[in-house]
PDB file of N, CA and C in Angstrom:
ATOM      1  N   MET A   1      84.702  91.990 133.290  1.00  0.00           N
ATOM      2  CA  MET A   1      84.986  93.406 133.132  1.00  0.00           C
ATOM      3  C   MET A   1      83.946  94.002 132.182  1.00  0.00           C
ATOM      4  N   SER A   2      83.544  95.205 132.498  1.00  0.00           N
ATOM      5  CA  SER A   2      82.524  95.872 131.702  1.00  0.00           C
ATOM      6  C   SER A   2      83.144  96.579 130.503  1.00  0.00           C
ATOM      7  N   PHE A   3      82.429  96.555 129.383  1.00  0.00           N
ATOM      8  CA  PHE A   3      82.866  97.265 128.189  1.00  0.00           C
ATOM      9  C   PHE A   3      82.258  98.655 128.129  1.00  0.00           C
ATOM     10  N   GLN A   4      81.088  98.805 128.752  1.00  0.00           N
ATOM     11  CA  GLN A   4      80.390 100.079 128.742  1.00  0.00           C
ATOM     12  C   GLN A   4      79.822 100.382 130.119  1.00  0.00           C
ATOM     13  N   THR A   5      79.581 101.657 130.331  1.00  0.00           N
ATOM     14  CA  THR A   5      78.847 102.102 131.501  1.00  0.00           C
ATOM     15  C   THR A   5      78.029 103.305 131.064  1.00  0.00           C
ATOM     16  N   THR A   6      77.238 103.822 131.966  1.00  0.00           N
ATOM     17  CA  THR A   6      76.379 104.962 131.655  1.00  0.00           C
ATOM     18  C   THR A   6      76.774 106.148 132.507  1.00  0.00           C
ATOM     19  N   VAL A   7      76.893 107.305 131.872  1.00  0.00           N
ATOM     20  CA  VAL A   7      77.125 108.544 132.612  1.00  0.00           C
ATOM     21  C   VAL A   7      75.862 108.792 133.431  1.00  0.00           C
ATOM     22  N   PRO A   8      76.003 109.074 134.735  1.00  0.00           N
ATOM     23  CA  PRO A   8      74.817 109.312 135.559  1.00  0.00           C
ATOM     24  C   PRO A   8      73.904 110.389 134.960  1.00  0.00           C
ATOM     25  N   GLU A   9      72.609 110.179 135.105  1.00  0.00           N
ATOM     26  CA  GLU A   9      71.620 111.084 134.530  1.00  0.00           C
ATOM     27  C   GLU A   9      71.880 112.527 134.952  1.00  0.00           C
ATOM     28  N   GLY A  10      71.885 113.403 133.977  1.00  0.00           N
ATOM     29  CA  GLY A  10      72.070 114.823 134.236  1.00  0.00           C
ATOM     30  C   GLY A  10      73.515 115.287 134.304  1.00  0.00           C
ATOM     31  N   MET A  11      74.476 114.354 134.349  1.00  0.00           N
ATOM     32  CA  MET A  11      75.886 114.738 134.430  1.00  0.00           C
ATOM     33  C   MET A  11      76.409 115.074 133.039  1.00  0.00           C
ATOM     34  N   SER A  12      77.086 116.210 132.920  1.00  0.00           N
ATOM     35  CA  SER A  12      77.648 116.615 131.630  1.00  0.00           C
ATOM     36  C   SER A  12      78.835 115.736 131.265  1.00  0.00           C
ATOM     37  N   TYR A  13      79.131 115.682 129.976  1.00  0.00           N
ATOM     38  CA  TYR A  13      80.301 114.910 129.545  1.00  0.00           C
ATOM     39  C   TYR A  13      81.581 115.542 130.086  1.00  0.00           C
ATOM     40  N   VAL A  14      81.595 116.866 130.285  1.00  0.00           N
ATOM     41  CA  VAL A  14      82.772 117.533 130.858  1.00  0.00           C
ATOM     42  C   VAL A  14      82.987 117.051 132.294  1.00  0.00           C
ATOM     43  N   ASN A  15      81.924 116.937 133.072  1.00  0.00           N
ATOM     44  CA  ASN A  15      82.074 116.421 134.435  1.00  0.00           C
ATOM     45  C   ASN A  15      82.446 114.949 134.438  1.00  0.00           C
ATOM     46  N   ALA A  16      81.971 114.202 133.469  1.00  0.00           N
ATOM     47  CA  ALA A  16      82.358 112.789 133.377  1.00  0.00           C
ATOM     48  C   ALA A  16      83.857 112.668 133.100  1.00  0.00           C
ATOM     49  N   ILE A  17      84.369 113.484 132.177  1.00  0.00           N
ATOM     50  CA  ILE A  17      85.813 113.479 131.899  1.00  0.00           C
ATOM     51  C   ILE A  17      86.582 113.864 133.158  1.00  0.00           C
ATOM     52  N   TYR A  18      86.120 114.887 133.840  1.00  0.00           N
ATOM     53  CA  TYR A  18      86.776 115.348 135.066  1.00  0.00           C
ATOM     54  C   TYR A  18      86.771 114.234 136.132  1.00  0.00           C
ATOM     55  N   ALA A  19      85.646 113.559 136.306  1.00  0.00           N
ATOM     56  CA  ALA A  19      85.546 112.478 137.299  1.00  0.00           C
ATOM     57  C   ALA A  19      86.525 111.354 136.981  1.00  0.00           C
ATOM     58  N   LEU A  20      86.627 110.996 135.704  1.00  0.00           N
ATOM     59  CA  LEU A  20      87.569 109.942 135.307  1.00  0.00           C
ATOM     60  C   LEU A  20      89.011 110.389 135.533  1.00  0.00           C
ATOM     61  N   TRP A  21      89.302 111.655 135.248  1.00  0.00           N
ATOM     62  CA  TRP A  21      90.646 112.191 135.488  1.00  0.00           C
ATOM     63  C   TRP A  21      90.975 112.191 136.982  1.00  0.00           C
ATOM     64  N   LYS A  22      90.027 112.625 137.820  1.00  0.00           N
ATOM     65  CA  LYS A  22      90.274 112.649 139.273  1.00  0.00           C
ATOM     66  C   LYS A  22      90.597 111.246 139.772  1.00  0.00           C
ATOM     67  N   HIS A  23      89.865 110.263 139.289  1.00  0.00           N
ATOM     68  CA  HIS A  23      90.112 108.883 139.711  1.00  0.00           C
ATOM     69  C   HIS A  23      91.471 108.402 139.205  1.00  0.00           C
ATOM     70  N   ALA A  24      91.748 108.656 137.938  1.00  0.00           N
ATOM     71  CA  ALA A  24      93.008 108.197 137.342  1.00  0.00           C
ATOM     72  C   ALA A  24      94.213 108.858 138.001  1.00  0.00           C
ATOM     73  N   SER A  25      94.084 110.120 138.360  1.00  0.00           N
ATOM     74  CA  SER A  25      95.206 110.870 138.938  1.00  0.00           C
ATOM     75  C   SER A  25      95.301 110.718 140.449  1.00  0.00           C
ATOM     76  N   ARG A  26      94.413 109.915 141.005  1.00  0.00           N
ATOM     77  CA  ARG A  26      94.354 109.727 142.465  1.00  0.00           C
ATOM     78  C   ARG A  26      94.159 111.077 143.167  1.00  0.00           C
ATOM     79  N   ASN A  27      93.179 111.829 142.653  1.00  0.00           N
ATOM     80  CA  ASN A  27      92.765 113.112 143.219  1.00  0.00           C
ATOM     81  C   ASN A  27      93.842 114.189 143.163  1.00  0.00           C
ATOM     82  N   ALA A  28      94.531 114.272 142.050  1.00  0.00           N
ATOM     83  CA  ALA A  28      95.514 115.349 141.865  1.00  0.00           C
ATOM     84  C   ALA A  28      94.817 116.693 142.036  1.00  0.00           C
ATOM     85  N   PRO A  29      95.528 117.694 142.534  1.00  0.00           N
ATOM     86  CA  PRO A  29      94.907 119.009 142.690  1.00  0.00           C
ATOM     87  C   PRO A  29      94.534 119.604 141.333  1.00  0.00           C
ATOM     88  N   ASP A  30      93.484 120.396 141.322  1.00  0.00           N
ATOM     89  CA  ASP A  30      93.001 120.979 140.070  1.00  0.00           C
ATOM     90  C   ASP A  30      94.039 121.871 139.397  1.00  0.00           C
ATOM     91  N   GLU A  31      95.006 122.368 140.143  1.00  0.00           N
ATOM     92  CA  GLU A  31      96.056 123.188 139.527  1.00  0.00           C
ATOM     93  C   GLU A  31      96.827 122.396 138.477  1.00  0.00           C
ATOM     94  N   ASN A  32      96.772 121.063 138.564  1.00  0.00           N
ATOM     95  CA  ASN A  32      97.479 120.222 137.604  1.00  0.00           C
ATOM     96  C   ASN A  32      96.754 120.103 136.263  1.00  0.00           C
ATOM     97  N   LEU A  33      95.533 120.592 136.192  1.00  0.00           N
ATOM     98  CA  LEU A  33      94.780 120.525 134.946  1.00  0.00           C
ATOM     99  C   LEU A  33      95.351 121.490 133.922  1.00  0.00           C
ATOM    100  N   VAL A  34      95.609 120.990 132.731  1.00  0.00           N
ATOM    101  CA  VAL A  34      96.069 121.843 131.642  1.00  0.00           C
ATOM    102  C   VAL A  34      94.907 122.730 131.184  1.00  0.00           C
ATOM    103  N   LEU A  35      93.755 122.123 130.988  1.00  0.00           N
ATOM    104  CA  LEU A  35      92.528 122.854 130.655  1.00  0.00           C
ATOM    105  C   LEU A  35      91.787 123.034 131.981  1.00  0.00           C
ATOM    106  N   ASN A  36      91.973 124.172 132.622  1.00  0.00           N
ATOM    107  CA  ASN A  36      91.565 124.309 134.015  1.00  0.00           C
ATOM    108  C   ASN A  36      90.183 124.904 134.259  1.00  0.00           C
ATOM    109  N   THR A  37      89.367 125.029 133.216  1.00  0.00           N
ATOM    110  CA  THR A  37      87.975 125.428 133.396  1.00  0.00           C
ATOM    111  C   THR A  37      87.099 124.528 132.533  1.00  0.00           C
ATOM    112  N   SER A  38      85.854 124.405 132.919  1.00  0.00           N
ATOM    113  CA  SER A  38      84.942 123.582 132.119  1.00  0.00           C
ATOM    114  C   SER A  38      84.771 124.159 130.717  1.00  0.00           C
ATOM    115  N   GLU A  39      84.814 125.478 130.607  1.00  0.00           N
ATOM    116  CA  GLU A  39      84.685 126.122 129.301  1.00  0.00           C
ATOM    117  C   GLU A  39      85.837 125.716 128.377  1.00  0.00           C
ATOM    118  N   LYS A  40      87.062 125.700 128.915  1.00  0.00           N
ATOM    119  CA  LYS A  40      88.228 125.311 128.111  1.00  0.00           C
ATOM    120  C   LYS A  40      88.155 123.853 127.689  1.00  0.00           C
ATOM    121  N   VAL A  41      87.701 122.989 128.597  1.00  0.00           N
ATOM    122  CA  VAL A  41      87.565 121.563 128.269  1.00  0.00           C
ATOM    123  C   VAL A  41      86.549 121.400 127.143  1.00  0.00           C
ATOM    124  N   HIS A  42      85.385 122.012 127.295  1.00  0.00           N
ATOM    125  CA  HIS A  42      84.334 121.912 126.283  1.00  0.00           C
ATOM    126  C   HIS A  42      84.826 122.451 124.932  1.00  0.00           C
ATOM    127  N   GLU A  43      85.420 123.619 124.942  1.00  0.00           N
ATOM    128  CA  GLU A  43      85.903 124.235 123.705  1.00  0.00           C
ATOM    129  C   GLU A  43      86.939 123.348 123.013  1.00  0.00           C
ATOM    130  N   TYR A  44      87.881 122.817 123.778  1.00  0.00           N
ATOM    131  CA  TYR A  44      88.926 121.961 123.208  1.00  0.00           C
ATOM    132  C   TYR A  44      88.310 120.743 122.519  1.00  0.00           C
ATOM    133  N   PHE A  45      87.424 120.053 123.215  1.00  0.00           N
ATOM    134  CA  PHE A  45      86.871 118.833 122.639  1.00  0.00           C
ATOM    135  C   PHE A  45      85.925 119.122 121.485  1.00  0.00           C
ATOM    136  N   GLN A  46      85.207 120.235 121.511  1.00  0.00           N
ATOM    137  CA  GLN A  46      84.342 120.585 120.379  1.00  0.00           C
ATOM    138  C   GLN A  46      85.163 120.915 119.140  1.00  0.00           C
ATOM    139  N   GLN A  47      86.317 121.531 119.318  1.00  0.00           N
ATOM    140  CA  GLN A  47      87.174 121.871 118.181  1.00  0.00           C
ATOM    141  C   GLN A  47      87.877 120.652 117.605  1.00  0.00           C
ATOM    142  N   ASN A  48      87.974 119.586 118.379  1.00  0.00           N
ATOM    143  CA  ASN A  48      88.721 118.401 117.941  1.00  0.00           C
ATOM    144  C   ASN A  48      87.841 117.164 117.758  1.00  0.00           C
ATOM    145  N   LEU A  49      86.551 117.378 117.519  1.00  0.00           N
ATOM    146  CA  LEU A  49      85.648 116.250 117.292  1.00  0.00           C
ATOM    147  C   LEU A  49      85.867 115.650 115.912  1.00  0.00           C
ATOM    148  N   PRO A  50      85.869 114.312 115.832  1.00  0.00           N
ATOM    149  CA  PRO A  50      85.886 113.701 114.506  1.00  0.00           C
ATOM    150  C   PRO A  50      84.601 114.077 113.761  1.00  0.00           C
ATOM    151  N   CYS A  51      84.664 114.129 112.481  1.00  0.00           N
ATOM    152  CA  CYS A  51      83.524 114.511 111.654  1.00  0.00           C
ATOM    153  C   CYS A  51      82.300 113.659 111.985  1.00  0.00           C
ATOM    154  N   GLY A  52      81.187 114.319 112.210  1.00  0.00           N
ATOM    155  CA  GLY A  52      79.932 113.619 112.457  1.00  0.00           C
ATOM    156  C   GLY A  52      79.687 113.209 113.885  1.00  0.00           C
ATOM    157  N   CYS A  53      80.624 113.429 114.783  1.00  0.00           N
ATOM    158  CA  CYS A  53      80.451 113.040 116.178  1.00  0.00           C
ATOM    159  C   CYS A  53      79.903 114.202 116.993  1.00  0.00           C
ATOM    160  N   SER A  54      79.089 113.872 117.985  1.00  0.00           N
ATOM    161  CA  SER A  54      78.561 114.891 118.893  1.00  0.00           C
ATOM    162  C   SER A  54      79.409 115.018 120.149  1.00  0.00           C
ATOM    163  N   TYR A  55      80.058 113.918 120.531  1.00  0.00           N
ATOM    164  CA  TYR A  55      80.866 113.880 121.749  1.00  0.00           C
ATOM    165  C   TYR A  55      82.241 113.303 121.432  1.00  0.00           C
ATOM    166  N   PRO A  56      83.231 113.591 122.264  1.00  0.00           N
ATOM    167  CA  PRO A  56      84.606 113.199 121.946  1.00  0.00           C
ATOM    168  C   PRO A  56      84.980 111.777 122.353  1.00  0.00           C
ATOM    169  N   TYR A  57      86.063 111.321 121.749  1.00  0.00           N
ATOM    170  CA  TYR A  57      86.829 110.190 122.263  1.00  0.00           C
ATOM    171  C   TYR A  57      87.987 110.836 123.021  1.00  0.00           C
ATOM    172  N   VAL A  58      88.179 110.460 124.271  1.00  0.00           N
ATOM    173  CA  VAL A  58      89.224 111.065 125.097  1.00  0.00           C
ATOM    174  C   VAL A  58      90.328 110.040 125.297  1.00  0.00           C
ATOM    175  N   ASP A  59      91.469 110.306 124.706  1.00  0.00           N
ATOM    176  CA  ASP A  59      92.615 109.411 124.808  1.00  0.00           C
ATOM    177  C   ASP A  59      93.349 109.660 126.132  1.00  0.00           C
ATOM    178  N   TYR A  60      93.869 110.866 126.281  1.00  0.00           N
ATOM    179  CA  TYR A  60      94.531 111.295 127.520  1.00  0.00           C
ATOM    180  C   TYR A  60      93.940 112.631 127.933  1.00  0.00           C
ATOM    181  N   PHE A  61      93.929 112.887 129.223  1.00  0.00           N
ATOM    182  CA  PHE A  61      93.459 114.169 129.733  1.00  0.00           C
ATOM    183  C   PHE A  61      94.395 114.599 130.848  1.00  0.00           C
ATOM    184  N   SER A  62      95.024 115.740 130.671  1.00  0.00           N
ATOM    185  CA  SER A  62      95.987 116.269 131.643  1.00  0.00           C
ATOM    186  C   SER A  62      96.973 115.200 132.102  1.00  0.00           C
ATOM    187  N   ASN A  63      97.571 114.547 131.116  1.00  0.00           N
ATOM    188  CA  ASN A  63      98.651 113.574 131.313  1.00  0.00           C
ATOM    189  C   ASN A  63      98.231 112.224 131.894  1.00  0.00           C
ATOM    190  N   TYR A  64      96.942 111.951 131.952  1.00  0.00           N
ATOM    191  CA  TYR A  64      96.480 110.659 132.452  1.00  0.00           C
ATOM    192  C   TYR A  64      95.665 109.952 131.381  1.00  0.00           C
ATOM    193  N   LEU A  65      95.898 108.641 131.275  1.00  0.00           N
ATOM    194  CA  LEU A  65      95.180 107.809 130.325  1.00  0.00           C
ATOM    195  C   LEU A  65      93.702 107.803 130.684  1.00  0.00           C
ATOM    196  N   ILE A  66      92.868 108.083 129.707  1.00  0.00           N
ATOM    197  CA  ILE A  66      91.417 108.007 129.895  1.00  0.00           C
ATOM    198  C   ILE A  66      90.853 106.966 128.933  1.00  0.00           C
ATOM    199  N   LYS A  67      91.103 107.127 127.628  1.00  0.00           N
ATOM    200  CA  LYS A  67      90.684 106.165 126.598  1.00  0.00           C
ATOM    201  C   LYS A  67      89.217 105.756 126.734  1.00  0.00           C
ATOM    202  N   VAL A  68      88.341 106.757 126.715  1.00  0.00           N
ATOM    203  CA  VAL A  68      86.900 106.540 126.812  1.00  0.00           C
ATOM    204  C   VAL A  68      86.226 107.222 125.633  1.00  0.00           C
ATOM    205  N   ASP A  69      85.305 106.493 125.015  1.00  0.00           N
ATOM    206  CA  ASP A  69      84.560 107.031 123.881  1.00  0.00           C
ATOM    207  C   ASP A  69      83.201 107.519 124.359  1.00  0.00           C
ATOM    208  N   PHE A  70      82.972 108.821 124.214  1.00  0.00           N
ATOM    209  CA  PHE A  70      81.722 109.446 124.634  1.00  0.00           C
ATOM    210  C   PHE A  70      80.736 109.602 123.483  1.00  0.00           C
ATOM    211  N   ASN A  71      81.052 109.108 122.300  1.00  0.00           N
ATOM    212  CA  ASN A  71      80.228 109.384 121.129  1.00  0.00           C
ATOM    213  C   ASN A  71      78.796 108.879 121.261  1.00  0.00           C
ATOM    214  N   LYS A  72      78.552 107.860 122.051  1.00  0.00           N
ATOM    215  CA  LYS A  72      77.186 107.349 122.234  1.00  0.00           C
ATOM    216  C   LYS A  72      76.647 107.719 123.610  1.00  0.00           C
ATOM    217  N   SER A  73      77.142 108.827 124.140  1.00  0.00           N
ATOM    218  CA  SER A  73      76.745 109.281 125.467  1.00  0.00           C
ATOM    219  C   SER A  73      75.221 109.370 125.565  1.00  0.00           C
ATOM    220  N   PRO A  74      74.633 108.899 126.648  1.00  0.00           N
ATOM    221  CA  PRO A  74      75.222 108.649 127.954  1.00  0.00           C
ATOM    222  C   PRO A  74      75.884 107.279 128.116  1.00  0.00           C
ATOM    223  N   ARG A  75      75.734 106.360 127.128  1.00  0.00           N
ATOM    224  CA  ARG A  75      76.486 105.101 127.189  1.00  0.00           C
ATOM    225  C   ARG A  75      77.893 105.409 126.707  1.00  0.00           C
ATOM    226  N   ILE A  76      78.895 104.987 127.469  1.00  0.00           N
ATOM    227  CA  ILE A  76      80.276 105.242 127.079  1.00  0.00           C
ATOM    228  C   ILE A  76      81.074 103.944 127.110  1.00  0.00           C
ATOM    229  N   ASP A  77      82.013 103.847 126.181  1.00  0.00           N
ATOM    230  CA  ASP A  77      82.890 102.676 126.096  1.00  0.00           C
ATOM    231  C   ASP A  77      84.071 102.895 127.028  1.00  0.00           C
ATOM    232  N   VAL A  78      84.243 101.982 127.995  1.00  0.00           N
ATOM    233  CA  VAL A  78      85.239 102.182 129.053  1.00  0.00           C
ATOM    234  C   VAL A  78      86.224 101.027 129.208  1.00  0.00           C
ATOM    235  N   LEU A  79      86.267 100.114 128.258  1.00  0.00           N
ATOM    236  CA  LEU A  79      87.106  98.922 128.395  1.00  0.00           C
ATOM    237  C   LEU A  79      88.562  99.270 128.701  1.00  0.00           C
ATOM    238  N   ASP A  80      89.155 100.162 127.927  1.00  0.00           N
ATOM    239  CA  ASP A  80      90.570 100.500 128.134  1.00  0.00           C
ATOM    240  C   ASP A  80      90.800 101.181 129.487  1.00  0.00           C
ATOM    241  N   TYR A  81      89.877 102.035 129.895  1.00  0.00           N
ATOM    242  CA  TYR A  81      89.991 102.697 131.204  1.00  0.00           C
ATOM    243  C   TYR A  81      89.975 101.641 132.320  1.00  0.00           C
ATOM    244  N   ASP A  82      89.011 100.727 132.242  1.00  0.00           N
ATOM    245  CA  ASP A  82      88.910  99.689 133.261  1.00  0.00           C
ATOM    246  C   ASP A  82      90.101  98.735 133.238  1.00  0.00           C
ATOM    247  N   GLU A  83      90.652  98.479 132.074  1.00  0.00           N
ATOM    248  CA  GLU A  83      91.854  97.648 132.018  1.00  0.00           C
ATOM    249  C   GLU A  83      93.026  98.346 132.709  1.00  0.00           C
ATOM    250  N   ALA A  84      93.093  99.648 132.578  1.00  0.00           N
ATOM    251  CA  ALA A  84      94.195 100.409 133.182  1.00  0.00           C
ATOM    252  C   ALA A  84      94.028 100.594 134.695  1.00  0.00           C
ATOM    253  N   TYR A  85      92.795 100.799 135.141  1.00  0.00           N
ATOM    254  CA  TYR A  85      92.578 101.188 136.548  1.00  0.00           C
ATOM    255  C   TYR A  85      91.786 100.182 137.370  1.00  0.00           C
ATOM    256  N   GLY A  86      91.392  99.074 136.768  1.00  0.00           N
ATOM    257  CA  GLY A  86      90.690  98.029 137.505  1.00  0.00           C
ATOM    258  C   GLY A  86      89.248  97.878 137.051  1.00  0.00           C
ATOM    259  N   ALA A  87      88.724  96.681 137.247  1.00  0.00           N
ATOM    260  CA  ALA A  87      87.354  96.384 136.838  1.00  0.00           C
ATOM    261  C   ALA A  87      86.378  97.377 137.460  1.00  0.00           C
ATOM    262  N   TYR A  88      85.493  97.905 136.635  1.00  0.00           N
ATOM    263  CA  TYR A  88      84.439  98.843 137.033  1.00  0.00           C
ATOM    264  C   TYR A  88      84.965 100.163 137.584  1.00  0.00           C
ATOM    265  N   ALA A  89      86.224 100.494 137.286  1.00  0.00           N
ATOM    266  CA  ALA A  89      86.808 101.746 137.772  1.00  0.00           C
ATOM    267  C   ALA A  89      86.061 102.964 137.244  1.00  0.00           C
ATOM    268  N   ALA A  90      85.704 102.945 135.969  1.00  0.00           N
ATOM    269  CA  ALA A  90      84.992 104.086 135.382  1.00  0.00           C
ATOM    270  C   ALA A  90      83.633 104.263 136.046  1.00  0.00           C
ATOM    271  N   GLU A  91      82.926 103.184 136.230  1.00  0.00           N
ATOM    272  CA  GLU A  91      81.609 103.244 136.873  1.00  0.00           C
ATOM    273  C   GLU A  91      81.719 103.796 138.294  1.00  0.00           C
ATOM    274  N   ARG A  92      82.700 103.339 139.038  1.00  0.00           N
ATOM    275  CA  ARG A  92      82.897 103.833 140.409  1.00  0.00           C
ATOM    276  C   ARG A  92      83.234 105.323 140.406  1.00  0.00           C
ATOM    277  N   ALA A  93      84.120 105.733 139.494  1.00  0.00           N
ATOM    278  CA  ALA A  93      84.517 107.142 139.432  1.00  0.00           C
ATOM    279  C   ALA A  93      83.312 108.027 139.133  1.00  0.00           C
ATOM    280  N   LEU A  94      82.491 107.619 138.184  1.00  0.00           N
ATOM    281  CA  LEU A  94      81.316 108.405 137.820  1.00  0.00           C
ATOM    282  C   LEU A  94      80.271 108.417 138.936  1.00  0.00           C
ATOM    283  N   ASP A  95      80.030 107.263 139.528  1.00  0.00           N
ATOM    284  CA  ASP A  95      79.046 107.190 140.614  1.00  0.00           C
ATOM    285  C   ASP A  95      79.478 108.029 141.810  1.00  0.00           C
ATOM    286  N   ASN A  96      80.762 107.999 142.130  1.00  0.00           N
ATOM    287  CA  ASN A  96      81.252 108.809 143.252  1.00  0.00           C
ATOM    288  C   ASN A  96      81.111 110.297 142.963  1.00  0.00           C
ATOM    289  N   TYR A  97      81.421 110.698 141.736  1.00  0.00           N
ATOM    290  CA  TYR A  97      81.327 112.121 141.400  1.00  0.00           C
ATOM    291  C   TYR A  97      79.876 112.580 141.296  1.00  0.00           C
ATOM    292  N   ALA A  98      78.980 111.663 140.988  1.00  0.00           N
ATOM    293  CA  ALA A  98      77.551 112.007 140.930  1.00  0.00           C
ATOM    294  C   ALA A  98      77.026 112.450 142.291  1.00  0.00           C
ATOM    295  N   LYS A  99      77.718 112.079 143.353  1.00  0.00           N
ATOM    296  CA  LYS A  99      77.309 112.469 144.718  1.00  0.00           C
ATOM    297  C   LYS A  99      77.630 113.928 145.021  1.00  0.00           C
ATOM    298  N   VAL A 100      78.496 114.546 144.220  1.00  0.00           N
ATOM    299  CA  VAL A 100      78.839 115.961 144.404  1.00  0.00           C
ATOM    300  C   VAL A 100      77.658 116.796 143.908  1.00  0.00           C
ATOM    301  N   GLU A 101      77.254 117.755 144.716  1.00  0.00           N
ATOM    302  CA  GLU A 101      76.153 118.635 144.314  1.00  0.00           C
ATOM    303  C   GLU A 101      76.485 119.327 142.990  1.00  0.00           C
ATOM    304  N   PRO A 102      75.522 119.415 142.056  1.00  0.00           N
ATOM    305  CA  PRO A 102      75.795 120.022 140.748  1.00  0.00           C
ATOM    306  C   PRO A 102      76.437 121.410 140.817  1.00  0.00           C
ATOM    307  N   GLY A 103      76.078 122.219 141.775  1.00  0.00           N
ATOM    308  CA  GLY A 103      76.655 123.555 141.894  1.00  0.00           C
ATOM    309  C   GLY A 103      78.096 123.561 142.356  1.00  0.00           C
ATOM    310  N   ASN A 104      78.571 122.426 142.852  1.00  0.00           N
ATOM    311  CA  ASN A 104      79.956 122.308 143.335  1.00  0.00           C
ATOM    312  C   ASN A 104      80.848 121.506 142.388  1.00  0.00           C
ATOM    313  N   ARG A 105      80.326 121.122 141.263  1.00  0.00           N
ATOM    314  CA  ARG A 105      81.105 120.324 140.312  1.00  0.00           C
ATOM    315  C   ARG A 105      82.015 121.209 139.465  1.00  0.00           C
ATOM    316  N   PHE A 106      82.969 120.577 138.813  1.00  0.00           N
ATOM    317  CA  PHE A 106      83.893 121.268 137.913  1.00  0.00           C
ATOM    318  C   PHE A 106      83.108 122.046 136.858  1.00  0.00           C
ATOM    319  N   ASP A 107      82.181 121.380 136.186  1.00  0.00           N
ATOM    320  CA  ASP A 107      81.257 122.035 135.250  1.00  0.00           C
ATOM    321  C   ASP A 107      79.994 122.324 136.067  1.00  0.00           C
ATOM    322  N   LYS A 108      79.970 123.507 136.674  1.00  0.00           N
ATOM    323  CA  LYS A 108      78.891 123.863 137.592  1.00  0.00           C
ATOM    324  C   LYS A 108      77.532 123.726 136.909  1.00  0.00           C
ATOM    325  N   ASP A 109      76.667 123.011 137.588  1.00  0.00           N
ATOM    326  CA  ASP A 109      75.301 122.770 137.122  1.00  0.00           C
ATOM    327  C   ASP A 109      75.225 122.014 135.797  1.00  0.00           C
ATOM    328  N   ASP A 110      76.321 121.358 135.425  1.00  0.00           N
ATOM    329  CA  ASP A 110      76.339 120.451 134.263  1.00  0.00           C
ATOM    330  C   ASP A 110      75.797 121.098 132.991  1.00  0.00           C
ATOM    331  N   LYS A 111      76.362 122.244 132.644  1.00  0.00           N
ATOM    332  CA  LYS A 111      75.839 122.978 131.478  1.00  0.00           C
ATOM    333  C   LYS A 111      76.261 122.375 130.140  1.00  0.00           C
ATOM    334  N   TYR A 112      77.331 121.566 130.108  1.00  0.00           N
ATOM    335  CA  TYR A 112      77.805 120.991 128.835  1.00  0.00           C
ATOM    336  C   TYR A 112      77.340 119.546 128.691  1.00  0.00           C
ATOM    337  N   ARG A 113      76.047 119.376 128.406  1.00  0.00           N
ATOM    338  CA  ARG A 113      75.491 118.027 128.247  1.00  0.00           C
ATOM    339  C   ARG A 113      75.424 117.638 126.815  1.00  0.00           C
TER     340      ARG A 113
END
């Protein structure tokens, strides 16, 4: 099982969180998102960053376990996510979402990098 993976080049951390949530929720509709815009997601995590961190640790997102540390992004710690959803689950979720055209992603054009 992998302890870390890499966010695909050019993908924002907001889209990475969204991709992990989509995988964890088995493609729940976006209406289920508590923070339903990329701006709200970015604002929430920026307001709740531990001192000195540039990127968040995400424990849960819209009622689904994520438990991924983005602080060393683009390398992210995914051990707990993979333990919950299967070996290499985080890597698969990110790679699959990387196939979505940037203009069609949750964080359009990956502005929150």
